[in-house]
C-alpha atoms as a PDB file:
ATOM      1  CA  MET A   1     -15.800  14.437 -63.647  1.00  0.00           C
ATOM      2  CA  SER A   2     -13.045  16.923 -62.926  1.00  0.00           C
ATOM      3  CA  MET A   3     -13.563  20.025 -60.826  1.00  0.00           C
ATOM      4  CA  GLU A   4     -12.699  22.308 -63.753  1.00  0.00           C
ATOM      5  CA  ILE A   5     -15.124  25.078 -64.584  1.00  0.00           C
ATOM      6  CA  VAL A   6     -17.292  24.226 -67.600  1.00  0.00           C
ATOM      7  CA  PRO A   7     -16.795  27.589 -69.418  1.00  0.00           C
ATOM      8  CA  ASN A   8     -13.175  26.528 -70.023  1.00  0.00           C
ATOM      9  CA  GLU A   9     -14.193  23.359 -71.839  1.00  0.00           C
ATOM     10  CA  PRO A  10     -15.403  23.015 -75.456  1.00  0.00           C
ATOM     11  CA  LYS A  11     -19.154  23.078 -75.949  1.00  0.00           C
ATOM     12  CA  THR A  12     -20.995  21.230 -78.695  1.00  0.00           C
ATOM     13  CA  GLY A  13     -24.326  20.413 -77.011  1.00  0.00           C
ATOM     14  CA  THR A  14     -27.297  22.744 -76.759  1.00  0.00           C
ATOM     15  CA  PHE A  15     -29.860  23.411 -74.049  1.00  0.00           C
ATOM     16  CA  GLN A  16     -33.022  25.448 -74.559  1.00  0.00           C
ATOM     17  CA  MET A  17     -35.461  26.707 -71.956  1.00  0.00           C
ATOM     18  CA  ARG A  18     -38.332  29.138 -71.599  1.00  0.00           C
ATOM     19  CA  ILE A  19     -37.968  32.011 -69.151  1.00  0.00           C
ATOM     20  CA  ASN A  20     -39.869  35.166 -68.282  1.00  0.00           C
ATOM     21  CA  PRO A  21     -38.355  37.935 -70.455  1.00  0.00           C
ATOM     22  CA  GLU A  22     -38.017  40.322 -67.500  1.00  0.00           C
ATOM     23  CA  TYR A  23     -36.195  37.672 -65.419  1.00  0.00           C
ATOM     24  CA  LYS A  24     -33.920  37.018 -68.377  1.00  0.00           C
ATOM     25  CA  ARG A  25     -33.068  40.732 -68.686  1.00  0.00           C
ATOM     26  CA  GLN A  26     -32.385  41.010 -64.947  1.00  0.00           C
ATOM     27  CA  LEU A  27     -30.250  37.859 -64.965  1.00  0.00           C
ATOM     28  CA  GLU A  28     -28.244  39.076 -67.967  1.00  0.00           C
ATOM     29  CA  GLU A  29     -27.556  42.352 -66.143  1.00  0.00           C
ATOM     30  CA  THR A  30     -26.624  40.549 -62.931  1.00  0.00           C
ATOM     31  CA  PHE A  31     -24.236  38.137 -64.610  1.00  0.00           C
ATOM     32  CA  ALA A  32     -22.734  40.874 -66.793  1.00  0.00           C
ATOM     33  CA  LYS A  33     -21.594  42.527 -63.543  1.00  0.00           C
ATOM     34  CA  CYS A  34     -19.674  39.293 -62.886  1.00  0.00           C
ATOM     35  CA  GLY A  35     -18.200  39.331 -66.401  1.00  0.00           C
ATOM     36  CA  MET A  36     -20.354  36.427 -67.598  1.00  0.00           C
ATOM     37  CA  THR A  37     -23.092  35.847 -70.093  1.00  0.00           C
ATOM     38  CA  LEU A  38     -26.285  34.076 -69.092  1.00  0.00           C
ATOM     39  CA  SER A  39     -25.018  31.002 -70.926  1.00  0.00           C
ATOM     40  CA  GLU A  40     -21.679  31.058 -69.070  1.00  0.00           C
ATOM     41  CA  ALA A  41     -23.430  31.499 -65.715  1.00  0.00           C
ATOM     42  CA  THR A  42     -25.720  28.576 -66.516  1.00  0.00           C
ATOM     43  CA  ASN A  43     -22.690  26.411 -67.338  1.00  0.00           C
ATOM     44  CA  VAL A  44     -21.098  27.385 -64.011  1.00  0.00           C
ATOM     45  CA  PHE A  45     -24.320  26.411 -62.220  1.00  0.00           C
ATOM     46  CA  PHE A  46     -24.379  23.052 -64.008  1.00  0.00           C
ATOM     47  CA  GLN A  47     -20.715  22.406 -63.141  1.00  0.00           C
ATOM     48  CA  MET A  48     -21.291  23.208 -59.480  1.00  0.00           C
ATOM     49  CA  ALA A  49     -24.304  20.869 -59.472  1.00  0.00           C
ATOM     50  CA  LEU A  50     -22.061  18.114 -60.856  1.00  0.00           C
ATOM     51  CA  ASN A  51     -19.350  18.900 -58.292  1.00  0.00           C
ATOM     52  CA  VAL A  52     -21.714  18.564 -55.323  1.00  0.00           C
ATOM     53  CA  GLY A  53     -23.969  15.892 -56.812  1.00  0.00           C
ATOM     54  CA  GLY A  54     -27.126  18.015 -56.668  1.00  0.00           C
ATOM     55  CA  LEU A  55     -28.251  21.577 -56.270  1.00  0.00           C
ATOM     56  CA  PRO A  56     -25.282  23.733 -55.228  1.00  0.00           C
ATOM     57  CA  PHE A  57     -27.374  25.567 -52.630  1.00  0.00           C
ATOM     58  CA  ASN A  58     -30.147  24.872 -50.135  1.00  0.00           C
ATOM     59  CA  VAL A  59     -33.688  25.122 -51.422  1.00  0.00           C
ATOM     60  CA  ASN A  60     -35.870  26.316 -48.604  1.00  0.00           C
ATOM     61  CA  PHE A  61     -38.591  28.911 -48.273  1.00  0.00           C
ATOM     62  CA  ASP A  62     -37.731  29.701 -44.645  1.00  0.00           C
ATOM     63  CA  PRO A  63     -35.107  32.492 -44.630  1.00  0.00           C
ATOM     64  CA  LYS A  64     -34.203  31.672 -41.017  1.00  0.00           C
ATOM     65  CA  ILE A  65     -33.030  28.209 -42.062  1.00  0.00           C
ATOM     66  CA  ILE A  66     -31.084  29.588 -45.022  1.00  0.00           C
ATOM     67  CA  LEU A  67     -29.364  32.188 -42.834  1.00  0.00           C
ATOM     68  CA  SER A  68     -28.686  29.557 -40.189  1.00  0.00           C
ATOM     69  CA  ASP A  69     -27.055  27.245 -42.740  1.00  0.00           C
ATOM     70  CA  ARG A  70     -24.904  30.104 -44.023  1.00  0.00           C
ATOM     71  CA  SER A  71     -23.938  31.096 -40.481  1.00  0.00           C
ATOM     72  CA  VAL A  72     -22.964  27.550 -39.578  1.00  0.00           C
ATOM     73  CA  ALA A  73     -20.863  27.231 -42.749  1.00  0.00           C
ATOM     74  CA  PHE A  74     -19.168  30.567 -42.013  1.00  0.00           C
ATOM     75  CA  LEU A  75     -18.437  29.629 -38.393  1.00  0.00           C
ATOM     76  CA  GLU A  76     -17.092  26.223 -39.414  1.00  0.00           C
ATOM     77  CA  GLY A  77     -14.745  27.953 -41.861  1.00  0.00           C
ATOM     78  CA  GLU A  78     -13.573  30.391 -39.173  1.00  0.00           C
ATOM     79  CA  PHE A  79     -13.058  27.511 -36.738  1.00  0.00           C
ATOM     80  CA  ARG A  80     -10.927  25.656 -39.322  1.00  0.00           C
ATOM     81  CA  LYS A  81      -8.876  28.813 -39.901  1.00  0.00           C
ATOM     82  CA  GLY A  82      -8.308  29.103 -36.149  1.00  0.00           C
ATOM     83  CA  LEU A  83      -7.193  25.486 -35.862  1.00  0.00           C
ATOM     84  CA  GLU A  84      -4.832  25.859 -38.817  1.00  0.00           C
ATOM     85  CA  SER A  85      -3.417  29.050 -37.343  1.00  0.00           C
ATOM     86  CA  ALA A  86      -2.885  27.347 -33.986  1.00  0.00           C
ATOM     87  CA  GLU A  87      -1.136  24.395 -35.622  1.00  0.00           C
ATOM     88  CA  ASN A  88       1.028  26.606 -37.854  1.00  0.00           C
ATOM     89  CA  GLU A  89       2.047  28.898 -34.994  1.00  0.00           C
ATOM     90  CA  GLY A  90       2.850  26.074 -32.596  1.00  0.00           C
ATOM     91  CA  TRP A  91       0.075  26.663 -30.099  1.00  0.00           C
ATOM     92  CA  ILE A  92      -0.560  23.907 -27.580  1.00  0.00           C
ATOM     93  CA  SER A  93      -3.870  22.205 -26.892  1.00  0.00           C
ATOM     94  CA  GLU A  94      -6.063  22.946 -23.897  1.00  0.00           C
ATOM     95  CA  ASP A  95      -5.260  19.502 -22.471  1.00  0.00           C
ATOM     96  CA  LYS A  96      -1.510  20.113 -22.756  1.00  0.00           C
ATOM     97  CA  MET A  97      -1.954  23.545 -21.203  1.00  0.00           C
ATOM     98  CA  ARG A  98      -3.862  22.109 -18.224  1.00  0.00           C
ATOM     99  CA  ALA A  99      -1.274  19.355 -17.746  1.00  0.00           C
ATOM    100  CA  LYS A 100       1.576  21.864 -17.939  1.00  0.00           C
ATOM    101  CA  TYR A 101       0.133  24.265 -15.351  1.00  0.00           C
ATOM    102  CA  ARG A 102      -1.439  21.900 -12.811  1.00  0.00           C
END
């Protein structure tokens, strides 16, 4: 399946579910702030689940683990940015630096 977002594709199937009316109202308000309907947000969730081959987020009741996972992902992204910056700006590796100034 392509990585395109589902809301851009034609829809002919239906999906029905039961939900607490108060949750539904809160979700509709939340997604409206993002410019989406509840249906569009659900389609985005489904597409992301297809893209990653499962739930597109960690399911865990321990907030420390969730925060840790997010922190690790953030730090990995920052590390990649640093490496790309070093490569693009012509920086030299630590090994080359040590060899050059021994």
